[in-house]
Protein backbone atom coordinates (compact mmCIF):
# COMPACT_ATOMS: atom_id res chain seq x y z
CA MET A 1 -40.98 -65.16 19.60
CA LYS A 2 -37.96 -66.86 18.05
CA ASN A 3 -37.42 -63.88 15.71
CA ASN A 4 -37.51 -61.47 18.67
CA LYS A 5 -34.76 -63.48 20.39
CA TYR A 6 -32.53 -63.11 17.32
CA LEU A 7 -33.15 -59.35 17.19
CA ILE A 8 -32.26 -58.94 20.86
CA LEU A 9 -29.07 -60.96 20.37
CA LEU A 10 -27.99 -58.87 17.35
CA SER A 11 -28.64 -55.65 19.29
CA VAL A 12 -26.51 -56.83 22.21
CA LEU A 13 -23.66 -57.79 19.88
CA PHE A 14 -23.89 -54.43 18.03
CA PHE A 15 -23.67 -52.29 21.16
CA SER A 16 -21.05 -54.56 22.70
CA PHE A 17 -18.87 -54.11 19.62
CA PHE A 18 -18.98 -50.30 19.73
CA SER A 19 -18.96 -49.90 23.51
CA CYS A 20 -15.20 -50.37 23.60
CA ASN A 21 -14.69 -47.48 21.11
CA GLU A 22 -17.41 -45.04 22.06
CA GLU A 23 -15.36 -41.92 21.28
CA GLU A 24 -14.68 -43.07 17.72
CA TRP A 25 -18.30 -44.02 17.24
CA LEU A 26 -19.56 -40.61 18.37
CA LYS A 27 -16.92 -38.60 16.49
CA GLU A 28 -18.38 -36.52 13.66
CA GLU A 29 -16.64 -36.36 10.32
CA ALA A 30 -17.36 -33.37 8.10
CA ILE A 31 -17.88 -34.65 4.58
CA ASP A 32 -19.98 -32.08 2.72
CA PHE A 33 -18.78 -28.87 4.41
CA TYR A 34 -15.46 -27.33 5.47
CA SER A 35 -14.30 -27.74 9.05
CA ALA A 36 -11.10 -27.05 10.97
CA ASP A 37 -9.95 -30.57 10.10
CA ASN A 38 -10.55 -30.61 6.36
CA SER A 39 -10.11 -26.98 5.23
CA PHE A 40 -6.38 -27.20 4.53
CA ARG A 41 -5.86 -30.38 2.58
CA THR A 42 -5.90 -29.74 -1.15
CA GLU A 43 -3.92 -27.42 -3.37
CA GLU A 44 -7.19 -25.74 -4.33
CA GLN A 45 -7.97 -24.98 -0.69
CA PHE A 46 -4.54 -23.50 -0.05
CA ASN A 47 -4.89 -21.41 -3.21
CA ALA A 48 -8.19 -20.09 -1.88
CA ALA A 49 -6.58 -19.26 1.47
CA LEU A 50 -3.82 -17.31 -0.31
CA ALA A 51 -6.37 -15.48 -2.45
CA HIS A 52 -8.01 -14.32 0.78
CA ILE A 53 -4.63 -13.12 2.11
CA TYR A 54 -3.99 -11.18 -1.12
CA ASN A 55 -7.40 -9.56 -0.80
CA GLU A 56 -7.00 -8.71 2.89
CA THR A 57 -3.56 -7.22 2.33
CA ASP A 58 -4.78 -5.06 -0.54
CA LEU A 59 -7.83 -4.00 1.47
CA TYR A 60 -5.90 -2.94 4.55
CA THR A 61 -2.96 -1.30 2.76
CA ILE A 62 -4.41 0.16 -0.45
CA TRP A 63 -8.20 0.21 -0.52
CA GLY A 64 -8.87 0.96 3.15
CA ALA A 65 -9.14 4.78 3.16
CA LEU A 66 -7.67 6.53 6.22
CA ASN A 67 -6.39 3.31 7.77
CA SER A 68 -4.46 2.47 4.61
CA ILE A 69 -1.72 4.06 2.55
CA PHE A 70 -3.32 7.50 3.08
CA ILE A 71 -2.02 7.59 6.64
CA ALA A 72 1.51 7.23 5.28
CA GLN A 73 1.09 10.44 3.26
CA TYR A 74 -0.55 13.16 5.36
CA THR A 75 1.65 12.41 8.39
CA SER A 76 4.83 12.94 6.36
CA ASP A 77 6.59 15.68 4.41
CA VAL A 78 4.55 15.34 1.20
CA ALA A 79 1.01 16.05 2.48
CA TYR A 80 -1.15 17.13 5.41
CA ALA A 81 -4.78 16.97 6.52
CA ALA A 82 -6.46 19.99 4.90
CA ASN A 83 -9.85 20.10 6.59
CA ARG A 84 -8.56 20.84 10.09
CA GLU A 85 -5.42 20.51 12.16
CA VAL A 86 -6.41 17.94 14.77
CA ILE A 87 -7.88 15.06 12.81
CA GLY A 88 -6.64 11.54 12.28
CA LEU A 89 -2.92 11.59 13.01
CA ASN A 90 -2.30 15.01 11.47
CA SER A 91 -1.18 16.36 14.86
CA TYR A 92 1.45 14.12 16.44
CA SER A 93 1.39 15.83 19.83
CA ASN A 94 -2.41 15.82 20.11
CA SER A 95 -3.37 12.59 18.37
CA LEU A 96 -0.59 10.01 18.47
CA THR A 97 -1.62 8.26 21.68
CA PRO A 98 -1.96 4.60 22.77
CA THR A 99 -5.76 4.84 22.53
CA GLN A 100 -5.96 6.47 19.09
CA ALA A 101 -8.08 4.46 16.64
CA ASN A 102 -5.60 4.40 13.75
CA VAL A 103 -2.86 3.14 16.06
CA ARG A 104 -5.07 0.26 17.23
CA VAL A 105 -6.73 -0.65 13.94
CA LEU A 106 -3.53 -1.02 11.95
CA TRP A 107 -2.04 -3.32 14.62
CA GLN A 108 -5.14 -5.49 14.84
CA ARG A 109 -5.69 -5.80 11.11
CA PHE A 110 -2.10 -6.71 10.34
CA TYR A 111 -1.94 -9.32 13.08
CA ALA A 112 -5.20 -10.79 11.76
CA ILE A 113 -3.60 -11.30 8.34
CA ILE A 114 -0.44 -12.69 9.95
CA ALA A 115 -2.62 -15.24 11.76
CA ASN A 116 -3.91 -16.37 8.39
CA THR A 117 -0.40 -16.66 6.95
CA ASN A 118 0.63 -18.74 9.96
CA ALA A 119 -2.29 -21.11 9.37
CA VAL A 120 -1.11 -21.70 5.81
CA ILE A 121 2.57 -22.04 6.73
CA GLY A 122 1.85 -24.37 9.64
CA ARG A 123 -0.49 -26.71 7.77
CA ILE A 124 0.90 -26.81 4.24
CA ASP A 125 3.45 -29.54 4.98
CA GLY A 126 0.90 -31.75 6.76
CA GLU A 127 0.75 -35.48 6.02
CA ASN A 128 -2.76 -35.37 4.55
CA THR A 129 -2.16 -32.44 2.19
CA GLU A 130 -2.43 -32.99 -1.56
CA PHE A 131 -0.45 -31.03 -4.16
CA SER A 132 0.23 -31.47 -7.83
CA SER A 133 3.95 -31.12 -7.10
CA GLU A 134 6.37 -30.09 -4.38
CA GLU A 135 7.08 -27.01 -6.47
CA ALA A 136 3.42 -25.98 -6.18
CA ARG A 137 3.47 -26.60 -2.43
CA ASN A 138 6.58 -24.49 -1.94
CA ARG A 139 5.25 -21.71 -4.15
CA LEU A 140 2.14 -21.31 -2.02
CA LYS A 141 4.19 -21.52 1.16
CA ALA A 142 6.51 -18.86 -0.26
CA GLU A 143 3.57 -16.55 -0.92
CA ALA A 144 2.39 -16.87 2.68
CA MET A 145 5.91 -16.23 3.97
CA PHE A 146 6.24 -13.16 1.75
CA PHE A 147 3.05 -11.68 3.17
CA ARG A 148 4.15 -12.42 6.73
CA ALA A 149 7.44 -10.62 6.08
CA PHE A 150 5.73 -7.73 4.31
CA LEU A 151 3.42 -7.14 7.27
CA TYR A 152 6.03 -7.64 10.00
CA ARG A 153 8.32 -5.19 8.23
CA TYR A 154 5.52 -2.59 8.36
CA LEU A 155 4.85 -3.33 12.04
CA ALA A 156 8.54 -3.18 13.01
CA ILE A 157 9.15 0.14 11.26
CA THR A 158 5.95 1.57 12.76
CA TYR A 159 6.04 0.26 16.35
CA GLY A 160 9.61 -1.00 16.80
CA GLY A 161 9.91 -4.44 18.39
CA VAL A 162 6.58 -6.30 18.35
CA PRO A 163 5.39 -9.78 19.39
CA LEU A 164 6.75 -12.26 16.87
CA VAL A 165 4.03 -14.87 16.35
CA LEU A 166 5.15 -17.57 13.93
CA GLU A 167 2.71 -20.40 14.63
CA GLU A 168 -1.03 -20.78 14.36
CA LEU A 169 -2.69 -20.07 17.69
CA THR A 170 -5.45 -22.54 18.57
CA THR A 171 -6.08 -21.45 22.17
CA PRO A 172 -6.36 -18.01 23.80
CA LYS A 173 -2.98 -16.42 24.54
CA ARG A 174 -2.47 -13.50 26.90
CA ASP A 175 1.27 -13.58 27.52
CA PHE A 176 2.74 -11.93 24.44
CA VAL A 177 6.11 -10.23 24.80
CA ARG A 178 7.89 -7.97 22.37
CA ALA A 179 10.73 -9.26 20.25
CA THR A 180 13.40 -6.70 19.46
CA GLN A 181 13.12 -4.72 16.24
CA ALA A 182 16.31 -6.46 15.03
CA GLU A 183 14.75 -9.89 15.69
CA VAL A 184 11.67 -8.96 13.69
CA TYR A 185 13.79 -7.78 10.76
CA ALA A 186 15.84 -11.00 10.91
CA GLN A 187 12.64 -13.04 10.67
CA CYS A 188 11.45 -10.96 7.73
CA ILE A 189 14.70 -11.66 5.92
CA GLU A 190 14.47 -15.39 6.66
CA ASP A 191 10.92 -15.53 5.29
CA LEU A 192 11.85 -13.51 2.21
CA GLU A 193 14.90 -15.63 1.44
CA PHE A 194 12.59 -18.65 1.25
CA ALA A 195 10.14 -16.64 -0.84
CA ALA A 196 12.82 -15.49 -3.30
CA ALA A 197 13.97 -19.09 -3.76
CA ASN A 198 10.50 -20.55 -4.32
CA LEU A 199 8.28 -17.92 -5.90
CA PRO A 200 7.90 -18.14 -9.69
CA ASP A 201 9.70 -15.91 -12.14
CA VAL A 202 7.49 -13.31 -13.80
CA THR A 203 7.52 -15.32 -17.04
CA GLU A 204 5.68 -18.15 -15.28
CA LEU A 205 2.71 -16.09 -14.07
CA LYS A 206 0.81 -16.39 -17.33
CA ASP A 207 1.00 -20.19 -17.25
CA LEU A 208 -0.17 -20.11 -13.63
CA ASN A 209 -3.02 -17.75 -14.57
CA ARG A 210 -1.94 -15.42 -11.77
CA GLU A 211 -1.91 -11.86 -13.11
CA GLY A 212 -0.77 -9.76 -10.19
CA GLY A 213 0.74 -12.72 -8.35
CA LEU A 214 3.94 -12.54 -6.34
CA THR A 215 7.25 -13.29 -8.03
CA LYS A 216 10.92 -13.66 -7.16
CA ALA A 217 11.33 -10.01 -8.12
CA ALA A 218 8.86 -8.87 -5.45
CA ALA A 219 10.75 -10.82 -2.77
CA ASN A 220 14.11 -9.50 -3.98
CA HIS A 221 12.81 -5.93 -4.05
CA LEU A 222 11.64 -6.20 -0.45
CA LEU A 223 14.85 -7.95 0.56
CA ALA A 224 16.84 -5.03 -0.86
CA GLU A 225 15.03 -2.68 1.51
CA LEU A 226 15.39 -5.04 4.50
CA TYR A 227 19.12 -5.43 3.90
CA ILE A 228 19.45 -1.64 3.78
CA ILE A 229 17.66 -1.47 7.13
CA VAL A 230 20.08 -3.96 8.72
CA LYS A 231 23.05 -2.23 7.04
CA ASP A 232 24.10 -5.19 4.86
CA TYR A 233 24.54 -3.04 1.79
CA ASP A 234 26.30 -5.58 -0.43
CA LYS A 235 23.35 -7.95 -0.10
CA ALA A 236 20.92 -5.08 -0.68
CA ILE A 237 22.71 -4.21 -3.91
CA ALA A 238 22.73 -7.85 -5.00
CA ARG A 239 19.01 -8.27 -4.39
CA ALA A 240 18.09 -5.04 -6.20
CA SER A 241 20.40 -6.01 -9.07
CA ALA A 242 18.65 -9.38 -9.38
CA VAL A 243 15.50 -7.44 -10.30
CA ILE A 244 17.08 -4.69 -12.38
CA ASP A 245 19.23 -7.10 -14.40
CA ASN A 246 16.32 -9.43 -15.14
CA PRO A 247 15.66 -8.90 -18.88
CA ASN A 248 11.92 -9.26 -18.30
CA TYR A 249 11.85 -5.96 -16.38
CA ALA A 250 12.54 -2.51 -17.80
CA LEU A 251 11.40 1.05 -17.20
CA MET A 252 8.74 2.21 -19.61
CA THR A 253 10.30 4.86 -21.83
CA GLU A 254 7.80 5.02 -24.72
CA ARG A 255 4.07 5.77 -24.76
CA PHE A 256 1.96 2.66 -24.17
CA GLY A 257 -1.37 1.25 -23.09
CA SER A 258 -5.01 2.20 -23.13
CA ARG A 259 -4.65 5.94 -23.85
CA MET A 260 -1.30 6.21 -25.59
CA ASP A 261 -2.85 8.09 -28.53
CA GLU A 262 -4.12 10.92 -26.30
CA PRO A 263 -2.04 13.93 -25.23
CA GLY A 264 0.21 12.90 -22.36
CA ASP A 265 3.56 11.26 -21.66
CA VAL A 266 4.87 7.89 -20.55
CA TYR A 267 4.74 8.78 -16.83
CA TRP A 268 1.07 9.68 -17.31
CA ASP A 269 0.52 6.38 -19.11
CA LEU A 270 1.80 4.43 -16.11
CA PHE A 271 -1.27 5.47 -14.09
CA ARG A 272 -4.08 5.17 -16.63
CA ARG A 273 -6.71 2.49 -16.19
CA GLU A 274 -5.75 -0.96 -17.50
CA ASN A 275 -2.04 -0.01 -17.74
CA GLN A 276 -0.57 -1.49 -14.55
CA ASN A 277 -0.39 -5.19 -15.39
CA ARG A 278 2.09 -6.75 -17.76
CA SER A 279 -0.70 -7.63 -20.17
CA SER A 280 -0.79 -3.92 -21.06
CA GLY A 281 2.84 -4.08 -22.15
CA ASN A 282 4.04 -2.62 -18.83
CA THR A 283 7.45 -4.13 -18.00
CA GLU A 284 7.95 -1.84 -15.01
CA SER A 285 5.38 -3.31 -12.63
CA ILE A 286 6.61 -5.82 -10.05
CA TRP A 287 3.62 -6.36 -7.75
CA VAL A 288 0.19 -4.91 -8.49
CA ALA A 289 -2.94 -4.87 -6.32
CA GLN A 290 -5.70 -6.15 -8.58
CA TYR A 291 -9.02 -4.40 -9.17
CA GLU A 292 -11.88 -5.54 -11.40
CA TYR A 293 -14.69 -3.05 -11.89
CA LEU A 294 -18.17 -4.40 -11.05
CA ALA A 295 -16.79 -7.89 -10.39
CA THR A 296 -17.82 -9.64 -7.17
CA GLY A 297 -14.77 -9.62 -4.92
CA GLY A 298 -12.93 -7.50 -7.48
CA GLY A 299 -11.70 -4.91 -4.97
CA ARG A 300 -12.95 -1.39 -4.43
CA GLY A 301 -10.23 0.61 -6.12
CA SER A 302 -8.23 3.24 -4.30
CA ILE A 303 -10.44 6.12 -3.12
CA ILE A 304 -7.43 8.42 -2.97
CA THR A 305 -9.31 10.34 -5.67
CA GLN A 306 -11.92 11.31 -3.10
CA PHE A 307 -9.51 12.17 -0.30
CA PHE A 308 -6.70 13.92 -2.23
CA LEU A 309 -8.63 15.72 -4.96
CA PRO A 310 -9.35 19.42 -4.17
CA VAL A 311 -12.98 20.50 -3.74
CA TYR A 312 -12.83 22.56 -6.95
CA ARG A 313 -16.52 21.91 -7.66
CA THR A 314 -17.66 24.43 -5.00
CA ILE A 315 -15.27 27.29 -5.83
CA GLN A 316 -17.04 30.59 -6.48
CA GLY A 317 -15.82 33.38 -8.71
CA PRO A 318 -15.72 37.13 -7.90
CA ASP A 319 -19.43 37.39 -8.79
CA GLY A 320 -20.43 34.73 -6.25
CA VAL A 321 -21.38 32.20 -8.92
CA ASN A 322 -19.81 28.74 -8.99
CA LEU A 323 -17.01 28.49 -11.51
CA PHE A 324 -17.72 24.84 -12.18
CA LEU A 325 -20.93 23.02 -12.97
CA GLY A 326 -20.00 20.30 -10.47
CA PRO A 327 -17.64 17.32 -10.34
CA THR A 328 -16.63 16.32 -13.85
CA SER A 329 -14.71 13.51 -15.47
CA GLN A 330 -12.28 15.88 -17.18
CA ASN A 331 -11.39 17.52 -13.85
CA GLY A 332 -10.73 14.27 -12.03
CA GLY A 333 -14.06 13.42 -10.42
CA ARG A 334 -15.45 14.24 -6.99
CA GLY A 335 -12.99 15.09 -4.25
CA ILE A 336 -13.43 16.17 -0.64
CA GLY A 337 -9.94 17.59 -0.12
CA TRP A 338 -9.36 15.61 3.07
CA PHE A 339 -5.64 16.00 2.60
CA ALA A 340 -3.53 18.18 0.34
CA PRO A 341 0.03 18.31 -1.00
CA SER A 342 2.65 20.19 0.99
CA ASP A 343 4.47 23.09 -0.62
CA TYR A 344 7.46 20.77 -0.71
CA LEU A 345 5.69 18.32 -3.03
CA LEU A 346 3.74 20.92 -4.94
CA ASN A 347 6.61 23.33 -5.65
CA ASP A 348 9.91 23.01 -3.80
CA VAL A 349 11.00 19.57 -4.96
CA TRP A 350 10.72 20.64 -8.61
CA THR A 351 12.84 23.79 -8.32
CA ASP A 352 16.07 22.04 -9.24
CA SER A 353 14.44 19.75 -11.78
CA PRO A 354 13.35 21.93 -14.71
CA GLY A 355 11.57 20.17 -17.56
CA ASP A 356 10.83 17.15 -15.38
CA MET A 357 8.10 15.06 -17.03
CA ARG A 358 6.68 14.14 -13.62
CA ASN A 359 5.83 17.82 -13.16
CA SER A 360 4.33 18.23 -16.63
CA GLU A 361 0.91 19.74 -17.29
CA TYR A 362 -0.41 16.20 -17.72
CA ASN A 363 0.79 14.94 -14.36
CA ILE A 364 0.27 17.93 -12.04
CA ILE A 365 -2.65 20.08 -13.18
CA ARG A 366 -2.22 23.53 -11.67
CA ASP A 367 -5.08 25.36 -13.35
CA LEU A 368 -8.61 24.61 -14.59
CA VAL A 369 -10.81 26.22 -17.22
CA VAL A 370 -14.13 27.52 -15.87
CA ASP A 371 -16.87 25.24 -17.24
CA ASN A 372 -20.08 26.66 -15.72
CA VAL A 373 -21.89 28.41 -18.57
CA ASN A 374 -23.72 30.55 -15.99
CA SER A 375 -20.46 32.07 -14.80
CA ALA A 376 -19.32 35.36 -16.28
CA TYR A 377 -15.85 33.81 -16.45
CA PHE A 378 -16.83 30.77 -18.51
CA GLY A 379 -13.91 29.55 -20.64
CA GLN A 380 -11.24 31.42 -18.64
CA LYS A 381 -8.42 29.85 -16.64
CA MET A 382 -9.19 30.02 -12.95
CA VAL A 383 -5.69 30.48 -11.45
CA GLU A 384 -4.17 32.49 -14.27
CA ASN A 385 -6.96 35.06 -14.00
CA ASN A 386 -7.12 35.06 -10.19
CA LEU A 387 -10.77 34.00 -10.12
CA ILE A 388 -10.90 32.10 -6.81
CA ALA A 389 -13.10 34.20 -4.52
CA SER A 390 -14.04 31.43 -2.06
CA ALA A 391 -12.03 31.03 1.12
CA ASN A 392 -9.39 28.41 0.42
CA THR A 393 -8.40 27.52 3.98
CA PHE A 394 -5.45 25.12 4.11
CA ASN A 395 -5.63 24.84 0.29
CA ARG A 396 -8.47 22.41 0.64
CA PHE A 397 -10.49 23.76 -2.26
CA TRP A 398 -7.62 24.29 -4.64
CA SER A 399 -3.96 23.37 -4.78
CA ALA A 400 -3.47 21.13 -7.82
CA ILE A 401 -4.71 17.87 -9.26
CA PHE A 402 -2.19 15.04 -9.28
CA SER A 403 -3.44 13.01 -12.21
CA LYS A 404 -1.83 9.77 -11.01
CA THR A 405 -4.46 9.75 -8.24
CA THR A 406 -7.45 10.04 -10.58
CA CYS A 407 -8.76 8.49 -13.78
CA ALA A 408 -9.55 11.90 -15.25
CA GLY A 409 -11.25 11.63 -18.63
CA ASN A 410 -11.86 7.91 -18.27
CA PHE A 411 -14.46 7.23 -15.58
CA PRO A 412 -16.85 4.29 -16.02
CA GLU A 413 -20.05 5.25 -17.78
CA GLU A 414 -22.12 4.26 -14.72
CA VAL A 415 -20.92 7.33 -12.78
CA PHE A 416 -21.88 9.90 -15.42
CA VAL A 417 -24.75 12.33 -14.97
CA ASP A 418 -24.31 13.99 -18.35
CA PHE A 419 -21.95 12.69 -21.02
CA SER A 420 -22.06 15.95 -22.97
CA THR A 421 -20.71 18.06 -20.10
CA GLY A 422 -18.72 15.36 -18.33
CA GLU A 423 -20.62 15.81 -15.06
CA VAL A 424 -20.35 12.79 -12.76
CA THR A 425 -21.92 11.54 -9.53
CA ARG A 426 -20.43 11.35 -6.06
CA ASN A 427 -19.31 7.81 -6.96
CA ALA A 428 -16.60 9.24 -9.23
CA ALA A 429 -14.26 9.15 -6.25
CA SER A 430 -11.99 6.20 -7.03
CA THR A 431 -9.08 5.47 -9.33
CA PHE A 432 -11.05 2.52 -10.77
CA ARG A 433 -7.75 0.83 -11.55
CA ASP A 434 -5.11 -1.52 -10.23
CA HIS A 435 -2.50 -0.07 -7.88
CA TYR A 436 1.26 -0.55 -7.72
CA HIS A 437 2.63 -2.14 -4.59
CA MET A 438 6.05 -2.17 -6.24
CA ARG A 439 7.50 -1.00 -9.53
CA LEU A 440 10.98 -1.02 -10.97
CA ALA A 441 11.62 2.70 -10.54
CA GLU A 442 11.68 2.18 -6.77
CA THR A 443 14.10 -0.75 -7.12
CA TYR A 444 16.57 1.62 -8.81
CA LEU A 445 16.16 4.09 -5.97
CA LEU A 446 16.69 1.37 -3.36
CA ARG A 447 19.90 0.32 -5.09
CA ALA A 448 20.99 3.95 -5.30
CA GLU A 449 20.48 4.28 -1.56
CA ALA A 450 22.42 1.08 -0.90
CA HIS A 451 25.29 2.26 -3.12
CA PHE A 452 25.42 5.62 -1.37
CA ARG A 453 25.41 4.07 2.09
CA ASN A 454 28.09 1.68 0.84
CA ASN A 455 30.31 4.70 0.06
CA ASN A 456 29.84 4.62 -3.70
CA ALA A 457 28.08 7.86 -4.61
CA ALA A 458 29.06 7.49 -8.29
CA LEU A 459 27.02 4.30 -8.73
CA ALA A 460 24.20 5.87 -6.72
CA ALA A 461 24.15 8.79 -9.16
CA ASP A 462 24.08 6.37 -12.08
CA ASP A 463 20.96 4.65 -10.74
CA ILE A 464 19.22 7.94 -9.99
CA ASN A 465 20.06 9.17 -13.48
CA VAL A 466 18.30 6.18 -15.04
CA ILE A 467 15.10 7.43 -13.41
CA ARG A 468 15.77 11.06 -14.27
CA ALA A 469 16.60 10.26 -17.90
CA ARG A 470 13.19 8.63 -18.34
CA ALA A 471 11.63 11.79 -16.86
CA ASN A 472 13.66 14.11 -19.12
CA ALA A 473 15.04 15.71 -15.94
CA PRO A 474 18.58 17.13 -15.81
CA LEU A 475 21.11 14.45 -14.92
CA ILE A 476 23.00 14.80 -11.67
CA ALA A 477 26.66 14.54 -10.72
CA THR A 478 28.20 12.32 -8.07
CA GLY A 479 28.54 15.24 -5.68
CA ASP A 480 24.80 15.92 -5.80
CA VAL A 481 23.92 12.66 -4.08
CA ASP A 482 23.04 12.49 -0.41
CA ILE A 483 20.20 10.96 1.57
CA ASP A 484 18.08 14.09 1.24
CA PHE A 485 18.47 14.05 -2.53
CA ILE A 486 17.42 10.40 -2.61
CA LEU A 487 14.35 11.30 -0.54
CA ASP A 488 13.60 14.15 -2.95
CA GLU A 489 13.89 11.83 -5.93
CA ARG A 490 11.59 9.33 -4.25
CA ALA A 491 9.06 12.14 -3.74
CA ARG A 492 9.25 13.13 -7.40
CA GLU A 493 8.90 9.57 -8.67
CA LEU A 494 6.82 7.79 -6.02
CA HIS A 495 4.55 10.44 -4.50
CA MET A 496 1.24 8.92 -3.33
CA GLU A 497 2.58 5.44 -4.18
CA GLU A 498 5.23 4.69 -1.58
CA TYR A 499 4.45 4.41 2.12
CA ARG A 500 6.20 7.72 2.63
CA ILE A 501 6.10 7.70 6.43
CA LEU A 502 7.81 4.27 6.48
CA THR A 503 10.56 5.57 4.23
CA LEU A 504 11.15 8.56 6.51
CA LYS A 505 11.09 6.41 9.64
CA ARG A 506 13.54 3.79 8.42
CA MET A 507 15.90 6.51 7.17
CA GLY A 508 15.74 8.34 10.51
CA LYS A 509 14.35 11.43 8.79
CA LEU A 510 10.74 11.65 10.00
CA VAL A 511 11.07 14.36 12.65
CA GLU A 512 13.44 16.51 10.60
CA ARG A 513 11.37 16.30 7.43
CA VAL A 514 7.99 16.88 9.08
CA ARG A 515 9.33 19.95 10.89
CA ALA A 516 10.72 21.29 7.63
CA HIS A 517 7.86 20.59 5.22
CA HIS A 518 4.56 19.84 7.00
CA PRO A 519 2.68 23.18 7.19
CA PHE A 520 1.35 22.58 10.71
CA TYR A 521 4.92 22.19 11.98
CA ASN A 522 7.01 24.58 9.86
CA GLY A 523 5.10 27.76 10.74
CA LYS A 524 3.02 28.19 7.59
CA TYR A 525 -0.19 27.64 9.55
CA THR A 526 -0.65 28.64 13.18
CA SER A 527 -0.32 25.44 15.11
CA GLY A 528 -0.12 23.98 18.57
CA SER A 529 1.25 20.75 17.14
CA THR A 530 4.76 19.51 17.77
CA ILE A 531 6.65 16.40 16.77
CA GLU A 532 9.30 14.90 19.04
CA ASP A 533 11.92 12.21 18.60
CA HIS A 534 9.80 9.53 20.30
CA HIS A 535 7.10 10.02 17.66
CA THR A 536 9.33 8.13 15.21
CA LEU A 537 7.73 5.02 16.73
CA TRP A 538 4.01 4.75 17.27
CA PRO A 539 2.77 3.71 20.72
CA ILE A 540 1.74 0.13 21.38
CA PRO A 541 -2.09 0.15 21.42
CA GLN A 542 -3.35 0.43 24.99
CA GLN A 543 -6.06 -2.13 24.32
CA GLU A 544 -3.43 -4.73 23.45
CA ILE A 545 -1.48 -3.98 26.63
CA GLU A 546 -4.59 -4.37 28.76
CA ARG A 547 -5.64 -7.63 27.11
CA ASN A 548 -2.21 -9.14 27.65
CA THR A 549 -2.90 -10.05 31.30
CA GLU A 550 -0.30 -12.78 31.77
CA ALA A 551 2.81 -10.86 30.70
CA ILE A 552 3.93 -7.27 30.29
CA LEU A 553 3.65 -5.83 26.79
CA GLU A 554 5.96 -2.87 27.24
CA GLN A 555 4.99 0.57 25.97
CA ASN A 556 7.35 2.61 23.80
CA PRO A 557 9.22 5.45 25.53
CA GLY A 558 7.42 8.79 25.56
CA TYR A 559 3.91 7.40 25.75
CA ALA A 560 1.92 7.12 28.99
CA ASN A 561 -0.16 3.99 29.49
């Protein structure tokens, strides 16, 4: 009985002690799993968050098929949808509407990544965070700020002024309003200035074990473009020069890399598997989307091979027999011809550039040798001998093979059907390699543009001639330089790499160039499509307008809600 009295007394004291702090007593603390409270504390955790942002950005800009970089090609002057006129955003007048899927998906995906960058930026300076050094903390913060600027730049060029969200949202928000386009660009510059000051130099990446990581050069390259946009040309030139004058960067002018002993040239080498990172000897790459074949989380590789490669495998000869035994490694793999090069990219842009390496037989393959032994034309050249008997509507089945968009002759062994003939499966539809986000050739062209806009055409010509000299193209004179020539040079050097539609938009050349070179607008193909001035900006997605119930998210002019 006495023992029971003691137990009752201890129980009363125990509950009395905790009754005054019930909330603390009941509060759960996550110890062996991540929660909202403990996920952003250590340097390792912030590194993991940035790795996810790298992966998301690559996925939604490079690896993501028709909602990725592809959309920046076939809506421009260099390419068009080849399977039919009204598909995707091929027809501005019919498809570019506030409810169109591409318009909505790009907006939603980019804002999702921005939300993740804001979480990193907002929490990285917290009291309970642990870093090996302030330098490490600022480097990771700089990476997040770079990505935020990279994505907001894309949104601002595409949609104009957009909601500028700079803090992590922890509760539902339905009162977004649009900042001006100028305000968005100003924020991008502010973020990139911090990034340029705190990202590592390229020489430090190896010590950080960050092949493909962001560097000062990447921030300066993007700053050069942003300063051109806001018409601060002196700063644009300075930022581009900071990259160009860095002795650790140089254009590749000699054969190099994994296939340098095969027939080809240095421009061809730039796009072979395993040749994009600096470990290959490539001093031209600035920022590279990483891909590791068969590795978990290693990326998917760009499937531009599938979408841009002609459907040569089904072409029949005059006798009705297929000219080719099927998709083969030597012919670039398996394509579906979803989009095709415009005549401008295929022919016109090379007219005044004879001998240009970028138009060599290695880089633009304009003919194939018949490889089906059952064809009466086996061993003959298809185009030279006029053997294409199949209907080739919109040049979907044959135009040319741009080798920079394939890994012709070097597919992984897992996709082969027959090694002796080179026949491959439907999975031979990817580049199976890393992809350039930025390389030095574009930095030269950005500086050339800044020089020209700054009334110094002579220095612009000098920068363009650096690129042309590497390509063995005829050098140009000062009087040859204008904005259209710069756009032409970008097409020759950066086709299927740059976000072409963004370049045309920011230069104010989209409508003019599409009308001149896109075959559904210039009269080559019968078309009901038109492009108008308001199409320079995409509409704000209708779904976003309707969700924003507590404020007005204004639509761009020319688009009905």
